[in-house]
């Protein structure tokens, strides 16, 4: 056979084999997989008050754990307000305690002495009455004398009763209305202290969850306005897979179903759980990493990966449909 013809036949055979391999080998796998990408929803941390940034504890790209300090603003003015609120609470609490108490022991001792004197006066008046009464019956004294000593005795008894009541009242606290007013002042002071402490805490926020630091907008010494982000995070629980499903396959992607993922350089066994399916179709996906043609009518689907730390926002992934997942 002519060598040129032999080379041409071999080339045709090789091309045919490559086409068959593409169709029956790689073709179905690529057709089965959907193209998507990883997206991370940023969380912006700021302070509710303006101030100079005193320290920044993280750097861009760093991983942080829940509760880890991120940055701090100069908190001296707010710390002074917190201390002032604490002093006001202590003052209000002292007034309440004083309102609930009776008089001091020294004041009660004065009343006790007055009661002892009143008791002695009653005894003396009763003794005088007991001495005069028989003499009046005998006619030695006129009845008017008995009236005088009886009045003196009754006056002494009344004075003793008054002192005894005064002594009992001195052991009581303030009137109920005054006590309730003092309690309200304590609660108001306690709320003011809590608000001052919360405002102080917001000058040094901490990471709300495990996350990666996306960006640091200010450095130590710079002035940050109130509610202006200083650090942005991408929490692990806000990392998701976004991909687009042709409308003819939408029924396979129900919320709660598991999908498997593949990406360049990633470990095997990655999966995600679908938690959102768009109720409206799109004709042009905003971002699509695909080398093949897709149906124009697609639906956005989002899923939460089981290993978000292994995925980077913006990274393209291939999604295996739920029915094709191993």
C-alpha atoms as a PDB file:
ATOM      1  CA  UNK A   1       0.000   0.000   0.000  1.00  0.00           C
ATOM      2  CA  UNK A   2       1.153   3.450  -0.818  1.00  0.00           C
ATOM      3  CA  UNK A   3       2.807   4.979   2.260  1.00  0.00           C
ATOM      4  CA  UNK A   4       0.862   8.163   1.779  1.00  0.00           C
ATOM      5  CA  UNK A   5      -2.416   6.261   1.701  1.00  0.00           C
ATOM      6  CA  UNK A   6      -1.358   4.283   4.809  1.00  0.00           C
ATOM      7  CA  UNK A   7      -0.723   7.553   6.735  1.00  0.00           C
ATOM      8  CA  UNK A   8      -4.059   9.006   5.630  1.00  0.00           C
ATOM      9  CA  UNK A   9      -5.950   5.892   6.782  1.00  0.00           C
ATOM     10  CA  UNK A  10      -4.182   5.937  10.145  1.00  0.00           C
ATOM     11  CA  UNK A  11      -5.062   9.598  10.644  1.00  0.00           C
ATOM     12  CA  UNK A  12      -8.720   8.899   9.865  1.00  0.00           C
ATOM     13  CA  UNK A  13      -8.765   6.004  12.341  1.00  0.00           C
ATOM     14  CA  UNK A  14      -7.179   8.142  15.054  1.00  0.00           C
ATOM     15  CA  UNK A  15      -9.649  10.968  14.504  1.00  0.00           C
ATOM     16  CA  UNK A  16     -12.565   8.570  14.600  1.00  0.00           C
ATOM     17  CA  UNK A  17     -11.276   7.046  17.832  1.00  0.00           C
ATOM     18  CA  UNK A  18     -10.805  10.418  19.430  1.00  0.00           C
ATOM     19  CA  UNK A  19     -14.339  11.441  18.417  1.00  0.00           C
ATOM     20  CA  UNK A  20     -15.792   8.271  19.877  1.00  0.00           C
ATOM     21  CA  UNK A  21     -13.855   8.762  23.094  1.00  0.00           C
ATOM     22  CA  UNK A  22     -15.123  12.346  23.320  1.00  0.00           C
ATOM     23  CA  UNK A  23     -18.739  11.340  22.738  1.00  0.00           C
ATOM     24  CA  UNK A  24     -18.913   8.129  24.776  1.00  0.00           C
ATOM     25  CA  UNK A  25     -16.207   8.849  27.303  1.00  0.00           C
ATOM     26  CA  UNK A  26     -16.067  12.484  28.215  1.00  0.00           C
ATOM     27  CA  UNK A  27     -19.196  13.727  26.528  1.00  0.00           C
ATOM     28  CA  UNK A  28     -21.866  12.317  28.883  1.00  0.00           C
ATOM     29  CA  UNK A  29     -19.969  13.336  32.011  1.00  0.00           C
ATOM     30  CA  UNK A  30     -19.651  16.865  30.767  1.00  0.00           C
ATOM     31  CA  UNK A  31     -23.270  16.940  29.669  1.00  0.00           C
ATOM     32  CA  UNK A  32     -24.383  15.629  33.075  1.00  0.00           C
ATOM     33  CA  UNK A  33     -22.435  18.198  35.091  1.00  0.00           C
ATOM     34  CA  UNK A  34     -23.590  21.777  35.511  1.00  0.00           C
ATOM     35  CA  UNK A  35     -21.262  24.721  35.783  1.00  0.00           C
ATOM     36  CA  UNK A  36     -21.393  26.955  38.816  1.00  0.00           C
ATOM     37  CA  UNK A  37     -19.255  28.999  41.119  1.00  0.00           C
ATOM     38  CA  UNK A  38     -18.660  29.660  44.785  1.00  0.00           C
ATOM     39  CA  UNK A  39     -20.017  32.838  46.278  1.00  0.00           C
ATOM     40  CA  UNK A  40     -19.380  34.303  49.719  1.00  0.00           C
ATOM     41  CA  UNK A  41     -21.741  36.825  51.302  1.00  0.00           C
ATOM     42  CA  UNK A  42     -19.646  39.437  53.076  1.00  0.00           C
ATOM     43  CA  UNK A  43     -20.400  40.591  56.600  1.00  0.00           C
ATOM     44  CA  UNK A  44     -19.310  44.151  57.363  1.00  0.00           C
ATOM     45  CA  UNK A  45     -18.247  44.957  60.927  1.00  0.00           C
ATOM     46  CA  UNK A  46     -18.319  48.552  62.149  1.00  0.00           C
ATOM     47  CA  UNK A  47     -18.708  50.630  65.301  1.00  0.00           C
ATOM     48  CA  UNK A  48     -21.863  52.561  66.161  1.00  0.00           C
ATOM     49  CA  UNK A  49     -19.748  55.534  67.217  1.00  0.00           C
ATOM     50  CA  UNK A  50     -17.013  57.450  65.463  1.00  0.00           C
ATOM     51  CA  UNK A  51     -13.472  57.361  66.753  1.00  0.00           C
ATOM     52  CA  UNK A  52      -9.828  56.703  66.091  1.00  0.00           C
ATOM     53  CA  UNK A  53      -8.914  53.093  65.365  1.00  0.00           C
ATOM     54  CA  UNK A  54      -6.636  52.071  68.223  1.00  0.00           C
ATOM     55  CA  UNK A  55      -5.841  48.541  67.010  1.00  0.00           C
ATOM     56  CA  UNK A  56      -6.590  46.070  64.223  1.00  0.00           C
ATOM     57  CA  UNK A  57      -6.112  42.437  65.253  1.00  0.00           C
ATOM     58  CA  UNK A  58      -6.577  40.723  61.875  1.00  0.00           C
ATOM     59  CA  UNK A  59      -5.154  40.863  58.375  1.00  0.00           C
ATOM     60  CA  UNK A  60      -6.690  40.312  54.965  1.00  0.00           C
ATOM     61  CA  UNK A  61      -7.082  36.632  54.127  1.00  0.00           C
ATOM     62  CA  UNK A  62      -6.678  35.489  57.726  1.00  0.00           C
ATOM     63  CA  UNK A  63      -9.055  32.951  59.224  1.00  0.00           C
ATOM     64  CA  UNK A  64     -10.750  33.867  62.502  1.00  0.00           C
ATOM     65  CA  UNK A  65     -12.790  31.882  64.993  1.00  0.00           C
ATOM     66  CA  UNK A  66     -16.047  32.876  66.641  1.00  0.00           C
ATOM     67  CA  UNK A  67     -15.457  35.414  69.426  1.00  0.00           C
ATOM     68  CA  UNK A  68     -12.020  36.479  68.223  1.00  0.00           C
ATOM     69  CA  UNK A  69     -11.350  40.252  68.505  1.00  0.00           C
ATOM     70  CA  UNK A  70     -11.208  42.050  65.171  1.00  0.00           C
ATOM     71  CA  UNK A  71     -10.440  45.705  65.897  1.00  0.00           C
ATOM     72  CA  UNK A  72     -10.927  48.333  68.579  1.00  0.00           C
ATOM     73  CA  UNK A  73     -11.622  52.051  68.617  1.00  0.00           C
ATOM     74  CA  UNK A  74     -10.436  54.526  71.219  1.00  0.00           C
ATOM     75  CA  UNK A  75     -12.940  53.829  73.995  1.00  0.00           C
ATOM     76  CA  UNK A  76     -11.819  56.310  76.658  1.00  0.00           C
ATOM     77  CA  UNK A  77     -14.866  58.647  76.335  1.00  0.00           C
ATOM     78  CA  UNK A  78     -17.309  55.743  76.319  1.00  0.00           C
ATOM     79  CA  UNK A  79     -15.528  54.095  79.243  1.00  0.00           C
ATOM     80  CA  UNK A  80     -15.985  57.313  81.216  1.00  0.00           C
ATOM     81  CA  UNK A  81     -19.696  57.310  80.374  1.00  0.00           C
ATOM     82  CA  UNK A  82     -19.932  53.685  81.483  1.00  0.00           C
ATOM     83  CA  UNK A  83     -18.241  54.481  84.802  1.00  0.00           C
ATOM     84  CA  UNK A  84     -20.584  57.438  85.322  1.00  0.00           C
ATOM     85  CA  UNK A  85     -23.601  55.199  84.687  1.00  0.00           C
ATOM     86  CA  UNK A  86     -22.222  52.639  87.165  1.00  0.00           C
ATOM     87  CA  UNK A  87     -21.838  55.334  89.825  1.00  0.00           C
ATOM     88  CA  UNK A  88     -25.416  56.516  89.194  1.00  0.00           C
ATOM     89  CA  UNK A  89     -26.654  52.949  89.652  1.00  0.00           C
ATOM     90  CA  UNK A  90     -24.790  52.594  92.933  1.00  0.00           C
ATOM     91  CA  UNK A  91     -26.309  55.870  94.163  1.00  0.00           C
ATOM     92  CA  UNK A  92     -29.841  54.807  93.189  1.00  0.00           C
ATOM     93  CA  UNK A  93     -29.365  51.424  94.859  1.00  0.00           C
ATOM     94  CA  UNK A  94     -28.192  53.096  98.058  1.00  0.00           C
ATOM     95  CA  UNK A  95     -31.286  55.318  98.093  1.00  0.00           C
ATOM     96  CA  UNK A  96     -33.492  52.274  97.627  1.00  0.00           C
ATOM     97  CA  UNK A  97     -31.776  50.407 100.463  1.00  0.00           C
ATOM     98  CA  UNK A  98     -32.177  53.433 102.699  1.00  0.00           C
ATOM     99  CA  UNK A  99     -35.867  53.701 101.809  1.00  0.00           C
ATOM    100  CA  UNK A 100     -36.437  50.074 102.773  1.00  0.00           C
ATOM    101  CA  UNK A 101     -34.721  50.471 106.133  1.00  0.00           C
ATOM    102  CA  UNK A 102     -36.036  52.087 109.337  1.00  0.00           C
ATOM    103  CA  UNK A 103     -34.197  54.709 111.339  1.00  0.00           C
ATOM    104  CA  UNK A 104     -30.679  54.229 112.582  1.00  0.00           C
ATOM    105  CA  UNK A 105     -30.030  52.500 115.943  1.00  0.00           C
ATOM    106  CA  UNK A 106     -28.976  55.798 117.503  1.00  0.00           C
ATOM    107  CA  UNK A 107     -32.314  57.361 116.599  1.00  0.00           C
ATOM    108  CA  UNK A 108     -34.191  54.341 117.911  1.00  0.00           C
ATOM    109  CA  UNK A 109     -32.256  54.567 121.188  1.00  0.00           C
ATOM    110  CA  UNK A 110     -33.588  58.106 121.732  1.00  0.00           C
ATOM    111  CA  UNK A 111     -37.147  56.879 121.260  1.00  0.00           C
ATOM    112  CA  UNK A 112     -36.513  53.951 123.615  1.00  0.00           C
ATOM    113  CA  UNK A 113     -35.402  56.404 126.290  1.00  0.00           C
ATOM    114  CA  UNK A 114     -38.556  58.460 125.749  1.00  0.00           C
ATOM    115  CA  UNK A 115     -40.683  55.340 126.088  1.00  0.00           C
ATOM    116  CA  UNK A 116     -38.922  54.382 129.319  1.00  0.00           C
ATOM    117  CA  UNK A 117     -39.639  57.861 130.709  1.00  0.00           C
ATOM    118  CA  UNK A 118     -43.297  57.567 129.624  1.00  0.00           C
ATOM    119  CA  UNK A 119     -43.595  54.196 131.347  1.00  0.00           C
ATOM    120  CA  UNK A 120     -42.161  55.669 134.551  1.00  0.00           C
ATOM    121  CA  UNK A 121     -44.634  58.555 134.350  1.00  0.00           C
ATOM    122  CA  UNK A 122     -47.517  56.071 133.992  1.00  0.00           C
ATOM    123  CA  UNK A 123     -46.355  54.139 137.031  1.00  0.00           C
ATOM    124  CA  UNK A 124     -46.060  57.310 139.084  1.00  0.00           C
ATOM    125  CA  UNK A 125     -49.496  58.550 137.968  1.00  0.00           C
ATOM    126  CA  UNK A 126     -51.073  55.176 138.734  1.00  0.00           C
ATOM    127  CA  UNK A 127     -49.463  55.112 142.173  1.00  0.00           C
ATOM    128  CA  UNK A 128     -50.776  58.631 142.899  1.00  0.00           C
ATOM    129  CA  UNK A 129     -54.238  57.586 141.756  1.00  0.00           C
ATOM    130  CA  UNK A 130     -54.143  54.475 143.978  1.00  0.00           C
ATOM    131  CA  UNK A 131     -53.157  56.606 146.952  1.00  0.00           C
ATOM    132  CA  UNK A 132     -55.767  59.350 146.453  1.00  0.00           C
ATOM    133  CA  UNK A 133     -58.759  57.172 145.592  1.00  0.00           C
ATOM    134  CA  UNK A 134     -59.199  55.605 149.129  1.00  0.00           C
ATOM    135  CA  UNK A 135     -58.765  58.987 150.786  1.00  0.00           C
ATOM    136  CA  UNK A 136     -61.501  60.491 148.634  1.00  0.00           C
ATOM    137  CA  UNK A 137     -63.817  57.642 149.643  1.00  0.00           C
ATOM    138  CA  UNK A 138     -63.015  58.408 153.284  1.00  0.00           C
ATOM    139  CA  UNK A 139     -63.843  62.043 152.722  1.00  0.00           C
ATOM    140  CA  UNK A 140     -60.340  63.262 153.470  1.00  0.00           C
ATOM    141  CA  UNK A 141     -59.971  64.750 150.005  1.00  0.00           C
ATOM    142  CA  UNK A 142     -62.597  66.290 147.835  1.00  0.00           C
ATOM    143  CA  UNK A 143     -63.746  64.364 144.716  1.00  0.00           C
ATOM    144  CA  UNK A 144     -62.083  67.008 142.556  1.00  0.00           C
ATOM    145  CA  UNK A 145     -58.704  65.804 143.750  1.00  0.00           C
ATOM    146  CA  UNK A 146     -59.471  62.305 142.410  1.00  0.00           C
ATOM    147  CA  UNK A 147     -60.455  63.774 139.049  1.00  0.00           C
ATOM    148  CA  UNK A 148     -57.103  65.541 138.870  1.00  0.00           C
ATOM    149  CA  UNK A 149     -55.002  62.454 139.555  1.00  0.00           C
ATOM    150  CA  UNK A 150     -57.170  60.380 137.190  1.00  0.00           C
ATOM    151  CA  UNK A 151     -56.576  62.894 134.402  1.00  0.00           C
ATOM    152  CA  UNK A 152     -52.861  62.861 135.107  1.00  0.00           C
ATOM    153  CA  UNK A 153     -52.798  59.074 134.924  1.00  0.00           C
ATOM    154  CA  UNK A 154     -54.759  58.985 131.662  1.00  0.00           C
ATOM    155  CA  UNK A 155     -52.448  61.603 130.155  1.00  0.00           C
ATOM    156  CA  UNK A 156     -49.395  59.546 131.086  1.00  0.00           C
ATOM    157  CA  UNK A 157     -50.921  56.418 129.524  1.00  0.00           C
ATOM    158  CA  UNK A 158     -51.755  58.315 126.335  1.00  0.00           C
ATOM    159  CA  UNK A 159     -48.195  59.655 126.128  1.00  0.00           C
ATOM    160  CA  UNK A 160     -46.823  56.115 126.550  1.00  0.00           C
ATOM    161  CA  UNK A 161     -49.044  54.847 123.741  1.00  0.00           C
ATOM    162  CA  UNK A 162     -47.882  57.650 121.475  1.00  0.00           C
ATOM    163  CA  UNK A 163     -44.213  56.930 122.130  1.00  0.00           C
ATOM    164  CA  UNK A 164     -44.773  53.193 121.580  1.00  0.00           C
ATOM    165  CA  UNK A 165     -46.453  53.841 118.220  1.00  0.00           C
ATOM    166  CA  UNK A 166     -43.642  56.186 117.232  1.00  0.00           C
ATOM    167  CA  UNK A 167     -41.106  53.512 118.088  1.00  0.00           C
ATOM    168  CA  UNK A 168     -42.934  50.949 115.910  1.00  0.00           C
ATOM    169  CA  UNK A 169     -43.119  53.392 112.983  1.00  0.00           C
ATOM    170  CA  UNK A 170     -39.401  54.093 113.196  1.00  0.00           C
ATOM    171  CA  UNK A 171     -38.609  50.429 112.423  1.00  0.00           C
ATOM    172  CA  UNK A 172     -40.514  50.659 109.127  1.00  0.00           C
ATOM    173  CA  UNK A 173     -39.033  51.885 105.837  1.00  0.00           C
ATOM    174  CA  UNK A 174     -40.366  54.644 103.634  1.00  0.00           C
ATOM    175  CA  UNK A 175     -43.925  54.646 102.338  1.00  0.00           C
ATOM    176  CA  UNK A 176     -44.694  52.074  99.596  1.00  0.00           C
ATOM    177  CA  UNK A 177     -44.988  54.788  96.972  1.00  0.00           C
ATOM    178  CA  UNK A 178     -41.573  56.148  97.885  1.00  0.00           C
ATOM    179  CA  UNK A 179     -40.071  52.655  97.765  1.00  0.00           C
ATOM    180  CA  UNK A 180     -41.555  52.016  94.322  1.00  0.00           C
ATOM    181  CA  UNK A 181     -40.185  55.334  93.099  1.00  0.00           C
ATOM    182  CA  UNK A 182     -36.732  54.376  94.383  1.00  0.00           C
ATOM    183  CA  UNK A 183     -37.013  50.971  92.668  1.00  0.00           C
ATOM    184  CA  UNK A 184     -37.896  52.672  89.383  1.00  0.00           C
ATOM    185  CA  UNK A 185     -34.840  54.893  89.682  1.00  0.00           C
ATOM    186  CA  UNK A 186     -32.661  51.833  90.239  1.00  0.00           C
ATOM    187  CA  UNK A 187     -34.067  50.143  87.129  1.00  0.00           C
ATOM    188  CA  UNK A 188     -33.544  53.297  85.087  1.00  0.00           C
ATOM    189  CA  UNK A 189     -29.942  53.535  86.236  1.00  0.00           C
ATOM    190  CA  UNK A 190     -29.410  49.839  85.491  1.00  0.00           C
ATOM    191  CA  UNK A 191     -30.735  50.263  81.946  1.00  0.00           C
ATOM    192  CA  UNK A 192     -28.499  53.290  81.424  1.00  0.00           C
ATOM    193  CA  UNK A 193     -25.483  51.249  82.534  1.00  0.00           C
ATOM    194  CA  UNK A 194     -26.401  48.390  80.186  1.00  0.00           C
ATOM    195  CA  UNK A 195     -26.737  50.818  77.267  1.00  0.00           C
ATOM    196  CA  UNK A 196     -23.378  52.435  78.065  1.00  0.00           C
ATOM    197  CA  UNK A 197     -21.705  49.026  78.337  1.00  0.00           C
ATOM    198  CA  UNK A 198     -23.228  47.851  75.041  1.00  0.00           C
ATOM    199  CA  UNK A 199     -22.038  50.997  73.293  1.00  0.00           C
ATOM    200  CA  UNK A 200     -18.578  50.455  74.727  1.00  0.00           C
ATOM    201  CA  UNK A 201     -18.546  46.816  73.583  1.00  0.00           C
ATOM    202  CA  UNK A 202     -19.428  47.845  70.042  1.00  0.00           C
ATOM    203  CA  UNK A 203     -16.170  49.786  69.780  1.00  0.00           C
ATOM    204  CA  UNK A 204     -14.337  46.443  69.797  1.00  0.00           C
ATOM    205  CA  UNK A 205     -16.484  43.896  67.928  1.00  0.00           C
ATOM    206  CA  UNK A 206     -15.643  40.212  67.764  1.00  0.00           C
ATOM    207  CA  UNK A 207     -16.136  37.675  65.008  1.00  0.00           C
ATOM    208  CA  UNK A 208     -19.709  36.340  65.178  1.00  0.00           C
ATOM    209  CA  UNK A 209     -18.691  32.995  63.623  1.00  0.00           C
ATOM    210  CA  UNK A 210     -15.783  31.151  62.064  1.00  0.00           C
ATOM    211  CA  UNK A 211     -14.862  33.142  58.972  1.00  0.00           C
ATOM    212  CA  UNK A 212     -12.157  34.382  56.652  1.00  0.00           C
ATOM    213  CA  UNK A 213     -11.180  38.053  56.599  1.00  0.00           C
ATOM    214  CA  UNK A 214     -12.105  39.476  53.213  1.00  0.00           C
ATOM    215  CA  UNK A 215     -10.858  43.047  53.630  1.00  0.00           C
ATOM    216  CA  UNK A 216      -9.466  45.461  56.221  1.00  0.00           C
ATOM    217  CA  UNK A 217     -10.510  49.019  55.421  1.00  0.00           C
ATOM    218  CA  UNK A 218      -8.755  50.960  58.231  1.00  0.00           C
ATOM    219  CA  UNK A 219      -5.493  50.677  60.077  1.00  0.00           C
ATOM    220  CA  UNK A 220      -4.508  51.782  63.581  1.00  0.00           C
ATOM    221  CA  UNK A 221      -4.413  55.556  63.900  1.00  0.00           C
ATOM    222  CA  UNK A 222      -7.007  56.253  61.212  1.00  0.00           C
ATOM    223  CA  UNK A 223     -10.367  57.851  61.974  1.00  0.00           C
ATOM    224  CA  UNK A 224     -13.456  55.743  61.311  1.00  0.00           C
ATOM    225  CA  UNK A 225     -16.882  57.321  61.063  1.00  0.00           C
ATOM    226  CA  UNK A 226     -19.868  55.843  62.864  1.00  0.00           C
ATOM    227  CA  UNK A 227     -21.309  52.730  61.188  1.00  0.00           C
ATOM    228  CA  UNK A 228     -18.515  52.718  58.602  1.00  0.00           C
ATOM    229  CA  UNK A 229     -17.128  49.205  58.002  1.00  0.00           C
ATOM    230  CA  UNK A 230     -13.647  48.626  59.353  1.00  0.00           C
ATOM    231  CA  UNK A 231     -13.374  44.893  58.610  1.00  0.00           C
ATOM    232  CA  UNK A 232     -15.382  42.630  56.294  1.00  0.00           C
ATOM    233  CA  UNK A 233     -15.682  38.887  56.868  1.00  0.00           C
ATOM    234  CA  UNK A 234     -16.988  35.950  54.860  1.00  0.00           C
ATOM    235  CA  UNK A 235     -18.404  33.562  57.489  1.00  0.00           C
ATOM    236  CA  UNK A 236     -18.264  29.873  56.685  1.00  0.00           C
ATOM    237  CA  UNK A 237     -22.046  29.639  56.979  1.00  0.00           C
ATOM    238  CA  UNK A 238     -22.435  32.341  54.289  1.00  0.00           C
ATOM    239  CA  UNK A 239     -20.421  30.470  51.635  1.00  0.00           C
ATOM    240  CA  UNK A 240     -22.664  28.907  49.009  1.00  0.00           C
ATOM    241  CA  UNK A 241     -22.631  27.267  45.604  1.00  0.00           C
ATOM    242  CA  UNK A 242     -24.516  29.036  42.821  1.00  0.00           C
ATOM    243  CA  UNK A 243     -25.358  27.330  39.566  1.00  0.00           C
ATOM    244  CA  UNK A 244     -28.018  27.480  36.890  1.00  0.00           C
ATOM    245  CA  UNK A 245     -30.328  24.624  35.988  1.00  0.00           C
ATOM    246  CA  UNK A 246     -32.097  24.250  32.631  1.00  0.00           C
ATOM    247  CA  UNK A 247     -35.833  24.457  33.029  1.00  0.00           C
ATOM    248  CA  UNK A 248     -36.347  20.893  31.776  1.00  0.00           C
ATOM    249  CA  UNK A 249     -34.258  19.527  34.694  1.00  0.00           C
ATOM    250  CA  UNK A 250     -35.575  21.835  37.423  1.00  0.00           C
ATOM    251  CA  UNK A 251     -37.683  19.143  39.120  1.00  0.00           C
ATOM    252  CA  UNK A 252     -34.519  17.254  40.072  1.00  0.00           C
ATOM    253  CA  UNK A 253     -33.246  20.119  42.222  1.00  0.00           C
ATOM    254  CA  UNK A 254     -35.582  20.258  45.196  1.00  0.00           C
ATOM    255  CA  UNK A 255     -34.666  22.064  48.411  1.00  0.00           C
ATOM    256  CA  UNK A 256     -32.962  19.700  50.812  1.00  0.00           C
ATOM    257  CA  UNK A 257     -31.456  17.427  48.150  1.00  0.00           C
ATOM    258  CA  UNK A 258     -27.719  16.806  48.116  1.00  0.00           C
ATOM    259  CA  UNK A 259     -25.442  17.490  45.177  1.00  0.00           C
ATOM    260  CA  UNK A 260     -21.791  16.668  44.667  1.00  0.00           C
ATOM    261  CA  UNK A 261     -19.124  19.136  43.602  1.00  0.00           C
ATOM    262  CA  UNK A 262     -15.898  18.972  41.664  1.00  0.00           C
ATOM    263  CA  UNK A 263     -13.358  21.733  41.225  1.00  0.00           C
ATOM    264  CA  UNK A 264      -9.758  22.068  40.121  1.00  0.00           C
ATOM    265  CA  UNK A 265      -7.352  21.160  42.900  1.00  0.00           C
ATOM    266  CA  UNK A 266     -10.137  20.334  45.372  1.00  0.00           C
ATOM    267  CA  UNK A 267     -10.383  17.182  47.428  1.00  0.00           C
ATOM    268  CA  UNK A 268     -12.881  14.542  46.368  1.00  0.00           C
ATOM    269  CA  UNK A 269     -16.138  13.964  48.187  1.00  0.00           C
ATOM    270  CA  UNK A 270     -17.334  17.566  48.291  1.00  0.00           C
ATOM    271  CA  UNK A 271     -21.075  17.959  48.528  1.00  0.00           C
ATOM    272  CA  UNK A 272     -23.691  20.594  49.216  1.00  0.00           C
ATOM    273  CA  UNK A 273     -27.339  20.762  50.229  1.00  0.00           C
ATOM    274  CA  UNK A 274     -29.766  22.779  48.125  1.00  0.00           C
ATOM    275  CA  UNK A 275     -31.462  25.506  50.172  1.00  0.00           C
ATOM    276  CA  UNK A 276     -32.802  27.858  47.507  1.00  0.00           C
ATOM    277  CA  UNK A 277     -34.366  27.525  44.072  1.00  0.00           C
ATOM    278  CA  UNK A 278     -35.244  30.713  42.258  1.00  0.00           C
ATOM    279  CA  UNK A 279     -38.992  31.076  41.593  1.00  0.00           C
ATOM    280  CA  UNK A 280     -38.298  32.990  38.381  1.00  0.00           C
ATOM    281  CA  UNK A 281     -36.294  31.935  35.322  1.00  0.00           C
ATOM    282  CA  UNK A 282     -33.412  33.823  33.787  1.00  0.00           C
ATOM    283  CA  UNK A 283     -32.449  33.947  30.134  1.00  0.00           C
ATOM    284  CA  UNK A 284     -28.845  34.988  30.664  1.00  0.00           C
ATOM    285  CA  UNK A 285     -26.933  33.917  33.795  1.00  0.00           C
ATOM    286  CA  UNK A 286     -24.869  36.800  35.202  1.00  0.00           C
ATOM    287  CA  UNK A 287     -21.755  34.625  35.530  1.00  0.00           C
ATOM    288  CA  UNK A 288     -21.300  31.184  34.041  1.00  0.00           C
ATOM    289  CA  UNK A 289     -18.153  29.112  33.815  1.00  0.00           C
ATOM    290  CA  UNK A 290     -18.983  26.820  30.944  1.00  0.00           C
ATOM    291  CA  UNK A 291     -17.245  25.495  27.845  1.00  0.00           C
ATOM    292  CA  UNK A 292     -20.439  24.011  26.493  1.00  0.00           C
ATOM    293  CA  UNK A 293     -23.674  25.568  25.311  1.00  0.00           C
ATOM    294  CA  UNK A 294     -26.533  25.733  27.830  1.00  0.00           C
ATOM    295  CA  UNK A 295     -30.244  26.196  27.511  1.00  0.00           C
ATOM    296  CA  UNK A 296     -31.124  29.843  27.495  1.00  0.00           C
ATOM    297  CA  UNK A 297     -33.952  29.404  30.011  1.00  0.00           C
ATOM    298  CA  UNK A 298     -32.349  28.563  33.351  1.00  0.00           C
ATOM    299  CA  UNK A 299     -33.153  28.822  37.065  1.00  0.00           C
ATOM    300  CA  UNK A 300     -30.751  29.924  39.769  1.00  0.00           C
ATOM    301  CA  UNK A 301     -30.112  27.317  42.469  1.00  0.00           C
ATOM    302  CA  UNK A 302     -28.068  27.801  45.649  1.00  0.00           C
ATOM    303  CA  UNK A 303     -26.661  25.150  47.968  1.00  0.00           C
ATOM    304  CA  UNK A 304     -24.696  25.131  51.228  1.00  0.00           C
ATOM    305  CA  UNK A 305     -21.431  23.171  50.949  1.00  0.00           C
ATOM    306  CA  UNK A 306     -20.476  20.675  53.628  1.00  0.00           C
ATOM    307  CA  UNK A 307     -16.868  21.904  53.661  1.00  0.00           C
ATOM    308  CA  UNK A 308     -16.965  25.677  53.066  1.00  0.00           C
ATOM    309  CA  UNK A 309     -13.410  26.176  54.282  1.00  0.00           C
ATOM    310  CA  UNK A 310     -12.114  24.189  51.308  1.00  0.00           C
ATOM    311  CA  UNK A 311     -13.780  26.486  48.789  1.00  0.00           C
ATOM    312  CA  UNK A 312     -12.838  30.015  47.757  1.00  0.00           C
ATOM    313  CA  UNK A 313     -15.384  32.612  46.646  1.00  0.00           C
ATOM    314  CA  UNK A 314     -15.307  33.027  42.878  1.00  0.00           C
ATOM    315  CA  UNK A 315     -13.989  29.519  42.314  1.00  0.00           C
ATOM    316  CA  UNK A 316     -15.692  27.649  39.414  1.00  0.00           C
ATOM    317  CA  UNK A 317     -17.157  24.233  40.208  1.00  0.00           C
ATOM    318  CA  UNK A 318     -18.894  21.417  38.391  1.00  0.00           C
ATOM    319  CA  UNK A 319     -22.158  20.271  39.959  1.00  0.00           C
ATOM    320  CA  UNK A 320     -23.358  16.709  39.586  1.00  0.00           C
ATOM    321  CA  UNK A 321     -27.167  16.499  39.514  1.00  0.00           C
ATOM    322  CA  UNK A 322     -28.818  14.757  42.488  1.00  0.00           C
ATOM    323  CA  UNK A 323     -29.887  11.740  40.441  1.00  0.00           C
ATOM    324  CA  UNK A 324     -26.330  11.278  39.122  1.00  0.00           C
ATOM    325  CA  UNK A 325     -24.597  11.729  42.490  1.00  0.00           C
ATOM    326  CA  UNK A 326     -22.728   8.635  43.659  1.00  0.00           C
END
